[in-house]
Protein backbone atom coordinates (compact mmCIF):
# COMPACT_ATOMS: atom_id res chain seq x y z
CA MET A 1 67.99 30.73 23.57
CA SER A 2 65.90 31.33 20.44
CA ASN A 3 66.27 34.39 18.19
CA SER A 4 62.77 35.57 19.15
CA THR A 5 63.67 35.40 22.84
CA GLN A 6 66.89 37.29 22.21
CA LYS A 7 64.94 40.03 20.43
CA LYS A 8 62.59 40.33 23.41
CA PHE A 9 65.56 40.66 25.76
CA LYS A 10 66.79 43.55 23.64
CA SER A 11 63.58 45.42 24.52
CA ASN A 12 65.16 46.55 27.79
CA LEU A 13 63.16 48.28 30.46
CA LYS A 14 63.79 51.96 30.99
CA TYR A 15 63.90 53.57 34.43
CA VAL A 16 62.99 57.21 34.97
CA TYR A 17 63.59 58.76 38.40
CA ALA A 18 61.71 61.95 39.40
CA ASP A 19 62.60 64.43 42.15
CA ASN A 20 59.57 63.42 44.25
CA ASP A 21 60.91 59.86 44.77
CA THR A 22 58.77 58.49 41.95
CA LEU A 23 60.19 55.72 39.78
CA SER A 24 58.70 54.95 36.37
CA ILE A 25 59.54 51.58 34.83
CA ILE A 26 58.80 51.92 31.12
CA PHE A 27 58.13 48.88 28.92
CA GLN A 28 58.95 48.89 25.20
CA ASN A 29 56.79 45.80 24.64
CA ASN A 30 53.12 45.82 25.70
CA GLU A 31 52.90 42.01 25.69
CA ASN A 32 55.69 41.85 28.26
CA LEU A 33 53.97 44.57 30.32
CA LEU A 34 50.70 42.62 30.38
CA GLY A 35 52.58 39.46 31.35
CA VAL A 36 54.32 41.18 34.25
CA VAL A 37 51.30 43.02 35.70
CA GLY A 38 49.03 39.97 35.22
CA GLU A 39 45.32 39.75 34.55
CA PHE A 40 43.48 42.51 36.44
CA ASN A 41 46.90 43.61 37.77
CA ASN A 42 46.95 40.50 39.98
CA ASN A 43 50.74 40.12 39.87
CA LEU A 44 51.25 43.71 40.98
CA LYS A 45 48.68 43.28 43.75
CA GLU A 46 50.54 40.20 45.00
CA LEU A 47 53.83 42.10 44.88
CA GLU A 48 52.22 44.93 46.85
CA LYS A 49 51.09 42.49 49.56
CA LEU A 50 54.55 40.95 49.84
CA THR A 51 56.42 44.27 49.99
CA ASN A 52 53.80 46.59 51.53
CA ILE A 53 54.72 49.10 48.80
CA SER A 54 52.12 50.78 46.58
CA ILE A 55 52.63 49.98 42.89
CA TYR A 56 50.63 51.37 39.96
CA SER A 57 50.23 50.50 36.29
CA ARG A 58 49.71 53.42 33.95
CA GLY A 59 49.94 53.28 30.15
CA ASN A 60 53.11 51.43 29.21
CA SER A 61 54.69 52.02 32.63
CA ILE A 62 54.73 50.71 36.17
CA LEU A 63 55.01 53.46 38.79
CA VAL A 64 56.18 53.33 42.37
CA LYS A 65 56.47 56.26 44.76
CA SER A 66 58.21 55.42 48.00
CA THR A 67 61.63 55.65 49.61
CA PRO A 68 64.66 55.17 47.36
CA LYS A 69 65.27 51.80 49.04
CA ASN A 70 61.70 50.62 48.38
CA ASN A 71 61.81 51.91 44.82
CA GLU A 72 64.91 49.79 44.25
CA ILE A 73 63.19 46.70 45.67
CA VAL A 74 60.31 47.12 43.21
CA LYS A 75 62.70 47.88 40.35
CA ASN A 76 64.63 44.65 40.96
CA ALA A 77 61.39 42.69 41.35
CA ILE A 78 59.88 43.97 38.09
CA ASN A 79 63.16 43.35 36.27
CA PHE A 80 63.21 39.78 37.59
CA LEU A 81 59.56 39.15 36.63
CA HIS A 82 60.13 40.65 33.18
CA ASP A 83 62.91 38.13 32.51
CA ARG A 84 60.88 35.23 33.93
CA PHE A 85 57.97 36.09 31.61
CA ILE A 86 60.28 36.20 28.59
CA ILE A 87 61.82 32.82 29.46
CA ASN A 88 58.65 30.92 30.44
CA GLY A 89 55.84 32.91 28.80
CA SER A 90 54.05 33.15 32.15
CA ILE A 91 54.56 34.19 35.76
CA GLU A 92 53.70 32.00 38.74
CA LYS A 93 53.13 33.04 42.33
CA LYS A 94 56.47 31.56 43.36
CA ASP A 95 58.16 33.81 40.78
CA ILE A 96 56.66 36.84 42.52
CA ILE A 97 57.94 35.57 45.86
CA SER A 98 61.39 34.99 44.33
CA SER A 99 61.42 38.50 42.84
CA ILE A 100 61.99 40.00 46.31
CA ASN A 101 64.45 37.30 47.38
CA ASN A 102 67.96 38.76 47.76
CA PHE A 103 69.50 35.46 46.72
CA MET A 104 67.53 35.48 43.46
CA ILE A 105 68.53 39.07 42.71
CA LYS A 106 72.21 38.22 43.20
CA GLU A 107 71.81 35.11 41.03
CA LYS A 108 70.28 37.23 38.27
CA ILE A 109 73.29 39.53 38.29
CA ASN A 110 75.53 36.46 37.91
CA SER A 111 73.13 34.70 35.54
CA GLU A 112 75.76 33.58 33.01
CA LYS A 113 77.82 31.94 35.74
CA ASN A 114 74.78 30.10 37.08
CA LEU A 115 73.40 28.65 33.82
CA GLU A 116 74.53 25.18 34.93
CA TYR A 117 71.95 25.22 37.72
CA ILE A 118 68.95 25.93 35.47
CA ILE A 119 66.84 22.82 34.86
CA LYS A 120 65.11 23.12 31.49
CA THR A 121 61.94 21.05 31.19
CA PRO A 122 59.43 21.16 28.31
CA LYS A 123 56.96 23.34 30.24
CA LYS A 124 59.28 25.64 32.17
CA SER A 125 62.80 26.45 33.27
CA VAL A 126 63.31 25.51 36.93
CA ILE A 127 65.87 27.49 38.90
CA PRO A 128 67.20 27.09 42.46
CA ARG A 129 65.77 29.78 44.74
CA SER A 130 68.20 29.56 47.65
CA GLU A 131 71.84 28.65 48.23
CA LYS A 132 70.80 25.28 49.69
CA GLN A 133 68.63 24.55 46.65
CA LYS A 134 71.61 25.35 44.46
CA LYS A 135 73.74 22.90 46.44
CA TYR A 136 70.95 20.32 46.15
CA VAL A 137 70.71 20.66 42.34
CA ARG A 138 74.49 20.26 42.07
CA ALA A 139 74.29 17.11 44.21
CA LEU A 140 71.41 15.72 42.11
CA LYS A 141 73.55 16.05 39.01
CA GLU A 142 76.88 14.87 40.45
CA ASN A 143 76.20 12.31 43.20
CA GLU A 144 74.87 8.76 43.05
CA ILE A 145 72.87 8.98 46.28
CA ILE A 146 71.35 12.15 47.74
CA ILE A 147 69.67 12.40 51.14
CA SER A 148 67.80 15.62 51.87
CA SER A 149 65.68 16.66 54.81
CA GLY A 150 63.78 19.79 55.72
CA PRO A 151 60.34 21.38 55.95
CA ALA A 152 57.61 21.36 53.33
CA GLY A 153 57.94 23.90 50.54
CA THR A 154 61.73 23.75 50.19
CA GLY A 155 61.61 22.11 46.75
CA LYS A 156 63.09 18.73 47.73
CA THR A 157 60.74 16.62 45.62
CA PHE A 158 60.06 19.11 42.82
CA LEU A 159 63.74 19.75 42.04
CA ALA A 160 64.56 16.04 42.15
CA VAL A 161 61.67 15.22 39.77
CA ALA A 162 62.77 18.05 37.44
CA VAL A 163 66.36 16.75 37.24
CA ALA A 164 65.12 13.17 36.78
CA LEU A 165 62.77 14.21 33.97
CA THR A 166 65.49 16.07 32.07
CA MET A 167 67.78 13.04 32.35
CA LEU A 168 65.01 10.78 31.04
CA LEU A 169 64.21 13.07 28.09
CA ASP A 170 67.94 13.35 27.30
CA LYS A 171 68.14 9.53 27.37
CA LYS A 172 70.75 9.55 30.13
CA ILE A 173 68.55 7.12 32.05
CA GLU A 174 65.81 4.72 30.96
CA ARG A 175 63.34 5.06 33.81
CA ILE A 176 62.16 7.28 36.66
CA ILE A 177 60.87 5.56 39.78
CA LEU A 178 58.91 7.63 42.30
CA SER A 179 58.01 6.05 45.61
CA ARG A 180 56.47 6.89 48.96
CA PRO A 181 55.63 4.86 52.05
CA ALA A 182 51.81 4.57 52.30
CA VAL A 183 52.06 5.01 56.07
CA GLU A 184 49.10 7.37 56.39
CA ALA A 185 46.81 4.59 55.21
CA GLY A 186 47.81 2.03 57.81
CA GLU A 187 44.99 -0.41 58.51
CA ARG A 188 42.58 1.85 56.62
CA LEU A 189 44.09 0.84 53.26
CA GLY A 190 41.86 -2.22 53.04
CA PHE A 191 38.74 -0.10 53.43
CA LEU A 192 39.50 2.15 50.46
CA PRO A 193 37.66 1.26 47.23
CA GLY A 194 39.37 -0.19 44.14
CA ASP A 195 42.40 -2.33 43.41
CA MET A 196 45.79 -1.86 45.09
CA ARG A 197 46.90 0.93 42.71
CA GLU A 198 43.67 2.85 43.28
CA LYS A 199 44.05 2.40 47.04
CA VAL A 200 47.56 3.88 47.19
CA ASP A 201 47.18 6.54 44.46
CA PRO A 202 45.93 9.23 46.89
CA TYR A 203 49.18 8.93 48.85
CA LEU A 204 51.26 9.23 45.68
CA ARG A 205 49.33 12.18 44.25
CA PRO A 206 51.98 14.85 45.12
CA LEU A 207 54.43 12.96 42.89
CA TYR A 208 51.99 13.07 39.98
CA ASP A 209 51.47 16.80 40.58
CA SER A 210 55.20 17.50 40.24
CA LEU A 211 55.33 15.58 36.95
CA TYR A 212 52.30 17.33 35.47
CA ASP A 213 53.82 20.69 36.37
CA LEU A 214 56.85 19.91 34.19
CA LEU A 215 55.49 17.94 31.23
CA ASP A 216 52.13 17.74 29.44
CA PHE A 217 49.55 15.43 31.01
CA GLU A 218 49.23 13.22 27.91
CA LYS A 219 53.00 12.73 27.65
CA ILE A 220 53.29 11.83 31.33
CA GLN A 221 50.44 9.33 31.00
CA LYS A 222 52.14 7.75 27.96
CA LYS A 223 55.44 7.41 29.80
CA ILE A 224 53.66 5.82 32.76
CA GLU A 225 51.87 3.38 30.43
CA VAL A 226 55.09 2.24 28.74
CA GLY A 227 56.99 2.06 32.04
CA ASP A 228 59.39 4.98 31.51
CA ILE A 229 57.91 6.48 34.67
CA GLU A 230 56.85 4.26 37.54
CA ILE A 231 55.04 5.49 40.64
CA ALA A 232 54.80 2.87 43.36
CA PRO A 233 54.52 2.42 47.13
CA LEU A 234 57.79 1.72 48.93
CA ALA A 235 56.70 -1.83 49.75
CA PHE A 236 56.71 -2.66 46.02
CA MET A 237 60.46 -1.97 45.73
CA ARG A 238 61.68 -5.00 47.68
CA GLY A 239 63.79 -7.49 45.74
CA ARG A 240 64.45 -5.25 42.75
CA THR A 241 67.70 -3.91 41.26
CA LEU A 242 67.40 -0.52 39.61
CA LYS A 243 69.64 -0.08 36.55
CA ASN A 244 69.73 3.05 34.36
CA SER A 245 67.19 4.58 36.71
CA PHE A 246 66.54 7.69 38.78
CA ALA A 247 64.67 6.62 41.91
CA ILE A 248 63.16 9.07 44.41
CA LEU A 249 61.80 8.12 47.82
CA ASP A 250 59.53 10.90 49.05
CA GLU A 251 58.22 11.35 52.63
CA ALA A 252 61.13 9.23 53.84
CA GLN A 253 60.53 10.31 57.44
CA ASN A 254 57.73 7.72 57.38
CA ALA A 255 60.08 4.91 56.33
CA THR A 256 61.79 2.75 58.92
CA ASP A 257 65.53 2.22 59.10
CA THR A 258 65.11 -1.21 57.46
CA GLN A 259 62.95 0.21 54.64
CA ILE A 260 65.41 2.98 53.79
CA LYS A 261 68.29 0.48 53.79
CA MET A 262 66.21 -1.71 51.44
CA PHE A 263 65.55 1.20 49.09
CA LEU A 264 69.17 2.39 49.03
CA THR A 265 70.49 -1.08 48.27
CA ARG A 266 68.31 -1.26 45.14
CA ILE A 267 70.84 0.96 43.36
CA GLY A 268 72.36 -0.54 40.22
CA GLU A 269 74.55 0.49 37.29
CA ASN A 270 74.11 4.08 36.00
CA SER A 271 71.49 4.92 38.63
CA LYS A 272 70.73 7.61 41.17
CA ILE A 273 68.72 7.37 44.36
CA VAL A 274 67.22 10.33 46.20
CA ILE A 275 65.84 10.14 49.74
CA ASN A 276 63.65 13.10 50.79
CA GLY A 277 61.84 13.74 54.04
CA ASP A 278 60.71 16.15 56.74
CA PRO A 279 61.71 14.97 60.24
CA SER A 280 59.05 17.23 61.80
CA GLN A 281 56.21 15.31 60.10
CA ILE A 282 56.70 11.70 61.18
CA ASP A 283 53.41 9.75 61.06
CA LEU A 284 54.80 6.42 62.26
CA PRO A 285 53.17 5.08 65.45
CA ASN A 286 56.62 5.04 67.05
CA LYS A 287 58.48 8.13 65.83
CA SER A 288 61.83 6.71 66.95
CA THR A 289 61.61 4.04 64.23
CA SER A 290 61.96 6.65 61.46
CA GLY A 291 65.12 5.90 59.48
CA LEU A 292 65.71 9.27 57.83
CA ASN A 293 68.02 10.87 60.40
CA ARG A 294 69.86 7.60 61.00
CA SER A 295 70.62 7.24 57.28
CA LYS A 296 72.14 10.73 57.26
CA LYS A 297 74.37 9.93 60.24
CA LEU A 298 75.49 6.55 58.91
CA LEU A 299 76.12 7.51 55.28
CA GLY A 300 76.89 11.23 55.21
CA HIS A 301 80.67 10.67 55.30
CA LEU A 302 80.73 8.68 52.04
CA ASP A 303 82.03 10.63 49.02
CA GLU A 304 79.37 9.24 46.68
CA ILE A 305 76.56 10.36 48.98
CA SER A 306 75.49 13.97 49.45
CA VAL A 307 73.42 15.13 52.43
CA VAL A 308 71.50 18.42 52.17
CA ASP A 309 69.61 19.89 55.14
CA PHE A 310 67.02 22.57 54.34
CA ASP A 311 65.44 24.98 56.83
CA HIS A 312 62.70 27.65 56.87
CA MET A 313 64.93 30.06 54.93
CA ASP A 314 64.67 27.74 51.90
CA VAL A 315 60.85 27.65 51.78
CA VAL A 316 59.73 28.92 48.36
CA ARG A 317 55.99 28.89 48.94
CA HIS A 318 54.15 31.86 50.44
CA PRO A 319 56.42 33.77 52.90
CA LEU A 320 53.91 32.99 55.64
CA VAL A 321 54.79 29.28 55.28
CA SER A 322 58.39 30.08 56.19
CA LYS A 323 57.22 32.00 59.29
CA ILE A 324 54.95 29.11 60.35
CA VAL A 325 57.74 26.56 59.92
CA LYS A 326 60.15 28.73 61.94
CA ALA A 327 57.59 29.27 64.73
CA TYR A 328 57.05 25.53 65.19
CA SER A 329 60.78 24.83 64.91
CA ASP A 330 61.58 27.43 67.58
CA GLN A 331 58.97 25.99 69.92
CA ASN A 332 60.35 22.45 69.49
CA ASN A 333 63.82 23.71 70.33
CA ASP A 334 62.68 25.35 73.58
């Protein structure tokens, strides 16, 4: 941590409790206050929507008047956002969601113990936001093969890309390979304009988005040009051996048993392979041919392979996403 960051941390927030259940959170640094409340108070408005608690900004303070329990929720949230702004220089919507997450509050209290789980990339520090995500990050760092499954929004791809990128920048590996089955295209692939790369790029776009969120666009483009980062359809992986590489297969629920076996057996010296998928979103004509669940059953007992199963509790997008995922999951279990 830089000296300037340490100085900012020394500008601790002050909390003043009044007899009428009003809590004043006083900032010593106006720049930090502006960062926490956001432009036009947008961050506070988002926090209000998530908690259904009225929050006000006045002078160099944030005020909340509610029950003692609600006041404490807002206090912990503002404290969390204050630290996130100091570390990253900005606050994202997912930070606001995390600020009311009990797991994140407990992690903050034990922050020194959990430094090993922070993934530091050039644009931001990425932190696990649930116990399962924490287990997943540990597996990404320690195991050779990781198989994860669960609903959208649980951070499967983003965390894997973040770990891979840090390993590449630290020269622990020579190449990142990101792959997806272009199943959605099917017979329509031939009707899309352009060469093969242009045809499949739309199906690989989420992988690009994760990269651009962690490293500057120009630097990502350069690494793609020189081959340090390769983004390719699953079909292009046949016959290769991946050495000194970190390979991620995304949307693996749309890969057949044979395709997943092919991808896993590409592993070479000093390499990692990650298989990610959501069993509830199989687009294959015959859903029973999906190889994701079978790979977990066949390989989960091997010491070198870690299997992580996420659920709606691990969704880090808007809280409504978690409720939607749970509703569909409950219906499918009926």
